[in-house]
Amino acid sequence: SQKVSDKRHVIIVDGKAYIVSSDSGMIGNTFCVYDDVYDFSVADKMICNHTDVQGVRTFIFYDKDNHQFCYIAGLTVKGMNKLGDAEGDEWSWNTAGNFPGGLRLNTTVNSFFSNGQALALMETLEGDDWIYGVTAPRTGAPVKDGRYQVDKSVATGWDEATGFMLTTNHGYLIYSSGPAIYGYNFRKNPQECVLLKQFDAPVTCLKPDYETSEKYSDVFYVATYDDGRERSGKVYKFKVTDHPDKMEVEQEHVYDEGFLKIRSMCYKAF
């Protein structure tokens, strides 16, 4: 779910995208439509731009049926828009043009990095992983920000990763896998991955702060839980250290209050 600037919401339910508003009831008509194709299925994550203080108006989705990115823009939503490629582009919005059978979108990572750049974490039919950088501007068509193949010999525990965030200042990826979090500079050549923190229990949730007064300071929270001990849940607060040449975090607090297993977190943002 993501709020639109006039306080409506865009949600994805059972592979279809909807506008939620008081005018159309709990769920309005699906807008998974463009040209003569109706009711195609979208992946269960969307891309939007958190940096626009005037409100989010552009959303990027992934059409699973046709293996391509599409988007909506503005407040009068009648359907999705296809994205066109420019001559000489490194990659196509339609991933079937670059990979036989197209790509599967596993998740998206929205951020404050570089005017709201987001990542689409993609996978080929053969199990190779790719990171697509995309920006959804307030006006105009979405922008391609490069793509990178994941080097799994570098990215420790990538196939078991459960949570992701993109840092604001330097745009590297932090992800959780098992009882650890890692910093992954996928843009660097050669790529670099470092262990940021090893915990005494598996990570169950990784949550960046996109809402409070610390939202531009790369503050994030990590929840852990040991299935062998009841009420063993902990929550850690971290801040990314602003070093241009290395990936590092500082632990600011730990809440060790015997939580149940935490799967997700949200903020009161109103």
Protein backbone atom coordinates (compact mmCIF):
# COMPACT_ATOMS: atom_id res chain seq x y z
CA SER A 1 0.00 0.00 0.00
CA GLN A 2 1.20 3.53 -0.75
CA LYS A 3 -0.50 6.86 -0.09
CA VAL A 4 -1.21 9.21 -2.99
CA SER A 5 -0.90 12.97 -2.51
CA ASP A 6 -4.63 13.56 -2.05
CA LYS A 7 -4.69 10.96 0.75
CA ARG A 8 -6.03 8.15 -1.41
CA HIS A 9 -4.08 4.92 -1.49
CA VAL A 10 -2.80 2.61 -4.19
CA ILE A 11 -2.85 -1.03 -3.12
CA ILE A 12 -2.08 -4.40 -4.70
CA VAL A 13 -4.45 -7.26 -3.93
CA ASP A 14 -4.18 -10.72 -5.50
CA GLY A 15 -2.03 -9.48 -8.36
CA LYS A 16 -4.23 -6.50 -9.28
CA ALA A 17 -3.69 -2.79 -8.53
CA TYR A 18 -6.49 -0.64 -7.14
CA ILE A 19 -7.18 2.90 -6.00
CA VAL A 20 -8.73 3.10 -2.53
CA SER A 21 -10.83 6.19 -1.85
CA SER A 22 -13.92 7.26 0.03
CA ASP A 23 -15.67 7.90 -3.30
CA SER A 24 -15.32 4.39 -4.68
CA GLY A 25 -15.60 2.45 -1.45
CA MET A 26 -13.03 0.20 0.15
CA ILE A 27 -11.62 -0.96 -3.18
CA GLY A 28 -12.28 0.81 -6.47
CA ASN A 29 -11.99 -0.63 -9.96
CA THR A 30 -8.74 -2.26 -10.97
CA PHE A 31 -6.47 -0.16 -13.17
CA CYS A 32 -4.37 -3.10 -14.42
CA VAL A 33 -5.13 -2.15 -18.01
CA TYR A 34 -3.42 -0.52 -21.02
CA ASP A 35 -4.19 -0.58 -24.73
CA ASP A 36 -6.32 -3.66 -25.42
CA VAL A 37 -4.91 -5.78 -22.58
CA TYR A 38 -7.17 -6.05 -19.54
CA ASP A 39 -6.68 -7.41 -16.04
CA PHE A 40 -3.05 -8.37 -16.31
CA SER A 41 -1.30 -9.28 -13.06
CA VAL A 42 1.25 -7.01 -11.37
CA ALA A 43 4.00 -8.04 -9.00
CA ASP A 44 3.19 -7.49 -5.33
CA LYS A 45 5.65 -4.59 -4.84
CA MET A 46 5.61 -1.11 -6.39
CA ILE A 47 8.13 1.68 -6.92
CA CYS A 48 7.46 5.24 -5.79
CA ASN A 49 9.45 8.33 -4.83
CA HIS A 50 9.59 9.28 -1.13
CA THR A 51 11.48 12.54 -1.69
CA ASP A 52 8.52 14.46 -3.13
CA VAL A 53 7.23 16.47 -0.16
CA GLN A 54 4.20 17.57 -2.18
CA GLY A 55 2.91 14.02 -2.46
CA VAL A 56 3.51 10.85 -4.43
CA ARG A 57 1.86 10.89 -7.85
CA THR A 58 3.85 8.43 -9.98
CA PHE A 59 3.90 4.69 -9.31
CA ILE A 60 5.81 2.03 -11.22
CA PHE A 61 4.57 -1.55 -11.37
CA TYR A 62 5.81 -4.74 -13.00
CA ASP A 63 3.45 -6.50 -15.38
CA LYS A 64 4.07 -10.19 -14.70
CA ASP A 65 2.09 -11.37 -17.73
CA ASN A 66 4.07 -9.34 -20.26
CA HIS A 67 7.36 -9.09 -18.28
CA GLN A 68 7.54 -5.29 -18.46
CA PHE A 69 7.53 -2.21 -16.27
CA CYS A 70 4.51 0.08 -16.49
CA TYR A 71 3.32 3.08 -14.53
CA ILE A 72 0.52 5.41 -13.51
CA ALA A 73 0.91 9.16 -13.01
CA GLY A 74 -1.32 11.97 -11.77
CA LEU A 75 -4.56 11.66 -9.85
CA THR A 76 -6.99 10.77 -12.62
CA VAL A 77 -6.23 7.08 -13.00
CA LYS A 78 -7.82 5.25 -15.91
CA GLY A 79 -5.15 2.66 -16.58
CA MET A 80 -1.48 1.87 -16.72
CA ASN A 81 0.96 3.39 -19.21
CA LYS A 82 3.56 1.40 -21.10
CA LEU A 83 7.14 2.67 -20.99
CA GLY A 84 9.02 3.27 -24.22
CA ASP A 85 12.74 2.70 -24.76
CA ALA A 86 15.06 5.26 -26.30
CA GLU A 87 17.56 4.33 -29.00
CA GLY A 88 20.81 3.14 -27.44
CA ASP A 89 19.34 2.34 -24.03
CA GLU A 90 21.36 -0.21 -22.06
CA TRP A 91 18.24 -2.23 -21.24
CA SER A 92 14.58 -2.41 -22.10
CA TRP A 93 11.54 -1.76 -19.90
CA ASN A 94 10.27 -5.02 -21.36
CA THR A 95 12.68 -7.53 -19.81
CA ALA A 96 11.72 -10.21 -22.34
CA GLY A 97 13.69 -8.09 -24.82
CA ASN A 98 16.89 -8.76 -22.85
CA PHE A 99 16.20 -12.19 -21.32
CA PRO A 100 14.36 -15.14 -22.88
CA GLY A 101 11.14 -15.56 -20.93
CA GLY A 102 11.59 -12.23 -19.17
CA LEU A 103 12.49 -11.60 -15.53
CA ARG A 104 10.66 -12.17 -12.26
CA LEU A 105 10.45 -9.23 -9.87
CA ASN A 106 11.23 -10.43 -6.34
CA THR A 107 10.91 -7.13 -4.48
CA THR A 108 11.45 -3.38 -4.72
CA VAL A 109 13.50 -1.05 -2.51
CA ASN A 110 12.38 2.60 -2.35
CA SER A 111 14.73 5.20 -0.92
CA PHE A 112 15.83 8.82 -0.54
CA PHE A 113 19.04 8.22 -2.50
CA SER A 114 19.70 10.41 -5.55
CA ASN A 115 16.31 12.16 -5.73
CA GLY A 116 14.34 9.07 -4.78
CA GLN A 117 16.01 6.28 -6.70
CA ALA A 118 14.50 2.83 -6.19
CA LEU A 119 15.75 -0.68 -6.91
CA ALA A 120 13.90 -3.55 -8.54
CA LEU A 121 15.46 -6.87 -7.54
CA MET A 122 14.97 -9.22 -10.48
CA GLU A 123 15.66 -12.88 -11.24
CA THR A 124 16.08 -14.83 -14.48
CA LEU A 125 14.53 -18.23 -15.17
CA GLU A 126 18.00 -19.71 -14.57
CA GLY A 127 18.28 -18.11 -11.11
CA ASP A 128 20.64 -15.24 -11.91
CA ASP A 129 19.84 -12.03 -10.03
CA TRP A 130 19.85 -8.46 -11.37
CA ILE A 131 19.41 -5.09 -9.70
CA TYR A 132 17.56 -2.47 -11.78
CA GLY A 133 17.80 1.18 -10.70
CA VAL A 134 14.67 3.26 -11.45
CA THR A 135 13.41 6.72 -10.45
CA ALA A 136 9.73 7.70 -10.47
CA PRO A 137 9.58 11.50 -10.90
CA ARG A 138 6.58 13.61 -9.91
CA THR A 139 6.07 14.58 -13.55
CA GLY A 140 7.34 12.97 -16.71
CA ALA A 141 8.22 9.39 -17.51
CA PRO A 142 10.21 7.12 -15.14
CA VAL A 143 13.99 7.16 -15.51
CA LYS A 144 16.43 4.26 -15.91
CA ASP A 145 19.35 4.43 -13.46
CA GLY A 146 21.41 1.46 -14.60
CA ARG A 147 21.32 -2.27 -13.93
CA TYR A 148 23.79 -4.57 -12.22
CA GLN A 149 24.18 -8.33 -12.05
CA VAL A 150 24.48 -9.67 -8.51
CA ASP A 151 27.79 -11.45 -7.95
CA LYS A 152 26.72 -14.15 -5.51
CA SER A 153 30.35 -15.07 -4.83
CA VAL A 154 30.61 -11.58 -3.28
CA ALA A 155 27.11 -11.01 -1.85
CA THR A 156 27.17 -13.38 1.15
CA GLY A 157 23.84 -15.11 1.85
CA TRP A 158 22.07 -13.31 -0.98
CA ASP A 159 19.74 -16.19 -1.87
CA GLU A 160 18.53 -16.30 1.76
CA ALA A 161 18.14 -12.52 2.14
CA THR A 162 14.91 -11.44 3.85
CA GLY A 163 15.05 -7.63 4.01
CA PHE A 164 16.59 -4.76 2.04
CA MET A 165 17.18 -1.00 2.25
CA LEU A 166 19.13 1.52 0.17
CA THR A 167 21.27 4.08 2.02
CA THR A 168 20.53 7.76 1.44
CA ASN A 169 24.02 9.26 1.25
CA HIS A 170 25.95 6.73 -0.83
CA GLY A 171 23.32 4.41 -2.30
CA TYR A 172 24.62 1.01 -1.28
CA LEU A 173 22.32 -1.83 -0.31
CA ILE A 174 21.90 -3.13 3.23
CA TYR A 175 20.29 -6.56 3.45
CA SER A 176 19.57 -9.11 6.15
CA SER A 177 20.32 -12.81 5.78
CA GLY A 178 20.15 -15.31 8.64
CA PRO A 179 21.52 -13.75 11.85
CA ALA A 180 23.39 -10.94 10.09
CA ILE A 181 23.12 -7.73 8.08
CA TYR A 182 25.45 -6.91 5.19
CA GLY A 183 26.46 -3.81 3.24
CA TYR A 184 26.57 -4.42 -0.51
CA ASN A 185 28.11 -1.91 -2.91
CA PHE A 186 26.79 -3.39 -6.14
CA ARG A 187 27.79 -0.30 -8.16
CA LYS A 188 31.48 -0.66 -7.34
CA ASN A 189 33.79 -2.50 -9.73
CA PRO A 190 34.62 -5.01 -8.44
CA GLN A 191 31.58 -5.31 -6.20
CA GLU A 192 32.05 -5.24 -2.44
CA CYS A 193 30.08 -6.81 0.42
CA VAL A 194 30.90 -6.48 4.12
CA LEU A 195 29.42 -7.92 7.30
CA LEU A 196 27.91 -5.00 9.22
CA LYS A 197 26.55 -6.83 12.29
CA GLN A 198 26.26 -10.41 13.49
CA PHE A 199 23.36 -11.08 15.90
CA ASP A 200 22.67 -13.90 18.36
CA ALA A 201 19.43 -14.84 16.54
CA PRO A 202 18.02 -14.69 12.98
CA VAL A 203 16.80 -11.36 11.64
CA THR A 204 13.03 -11.30 11.18
CA CYS A 205 12.59 -7.68 10.04
CA LEU A 206 14.75 -4.90 8.56
CA LYS A 207 13.01 -1.50 8.56
CA PRO A 208 14.46 1.84 7.38
CA ASP A 209 13.03 5.01 8.92
CA TYR A 210 11.17 6.84 6.14
CA GLU A 211 8.79 8.77 8.39
CA THR A 212 10.31 10.50 11.42
CA SER A 213 12.65 13.49 11.74
CA GLU A 214 15.56 11.03 11.30
CA LYS A 215 14.40 9.86 7.88
CA TYR A 216 17.28 11.48 5.97
CA SER A 217 19.91 10.23 8.44
CA ASP A 218 19.97 6.56 7.41
CA VAL A 219 18.44 5.35 10.67
CA PHE A 220 17.03 1.84 10.54
CA TYR A 221 15.75 -0.91 12.83
CA VAL A 222 16.46 -4.63 12.95
CA ALA A 223 14.29 -7.19 14.75
CA THR A 224 15.62 -10.64 15.72
CA TYR A 225 14.04 -13.75 17.20
CA ASP A 226 15.32 -17.11 18.44
CA ASP A 227 12.69 -19.80 17.74
CA GLY A 228 14.20 -21.93 20.51
CA ARG A 229 13.34 -19.37 23.21
CA GLU A 230 9.90 -17.93 23.92
CA ARG A 231 9.53 -14.15 23.78
CA SER A 232 13.15 -13.74 22.71
CA GLY A 233 12.47 -10.88 20.32
CA LYS A 234 14.82 -7.88 20.27
CA VAL A 235 14.80 -4.63 18.29
CA TYR A 236 18.04 -2.82 17.43
CA LYS A 237 18.36 0.78 16.28
CA PHE A 238 21.23 1.60 13.91
CA LYS A 239 22.58 4.58 12.04
CA VAL A 240 24.70 4.34 8.91
CA THR A 241 28.10 5.99 9.31
CA ASP A 242 28.66 8.52 6.53
CA HIS A 243 31.94 7.31 5.04
CA PRO A 244 32.37 7.63 1.25
CA ASP A 245 34.99 4.86 1.14
CA LYS A 246 33.63 2.20 3.48
CA MET A 247 30.36 0.65 4.65
CA GLU A 248 29.79 0.85 8.40
CA VAL A 249 26.92 1.22 10.90
CA GLU A 250 26.66 2.30 14.54
CA GLN A 251 24.32 0.63 17.02
CA GLU A 252 22.42 3.35 18.88
CA HIS A 253 20.10 1.29 21.05
CA VAL A 254 18.72 -2.20 21.68
CA TYR A 255 15.20 -2.86 22.96
CA ASP A 256 15.45 -6.20 24.79
CA GLU A 257 11.97 -6.50 26.24
CA GLY A 258 10.97 -10.04 25.38
CA PHE A 259 9.04 -9.29 22.21
CA LEU A 260 7.14 -11.83 20.18
CA LYS A 261 8.50 -12.49 16.69
CA ILE A 262 8.32 -9.24 14.70
CA ARG A 263 7.54 -9.67 11.02
CA SER A 264 7.03 -6.02 10.02
CA MET A 265 7.03 -2.50 11.43
CA CYS A 266 5.20 0.69 10.50
CA TYR A 267 5.18 4.24 11.81
CA LYS A 268 2.36 6.53 12.79
CA ALA A 269 2.81 9.02 9.98
CA PHE A 270 -0.10 11.43 10.48
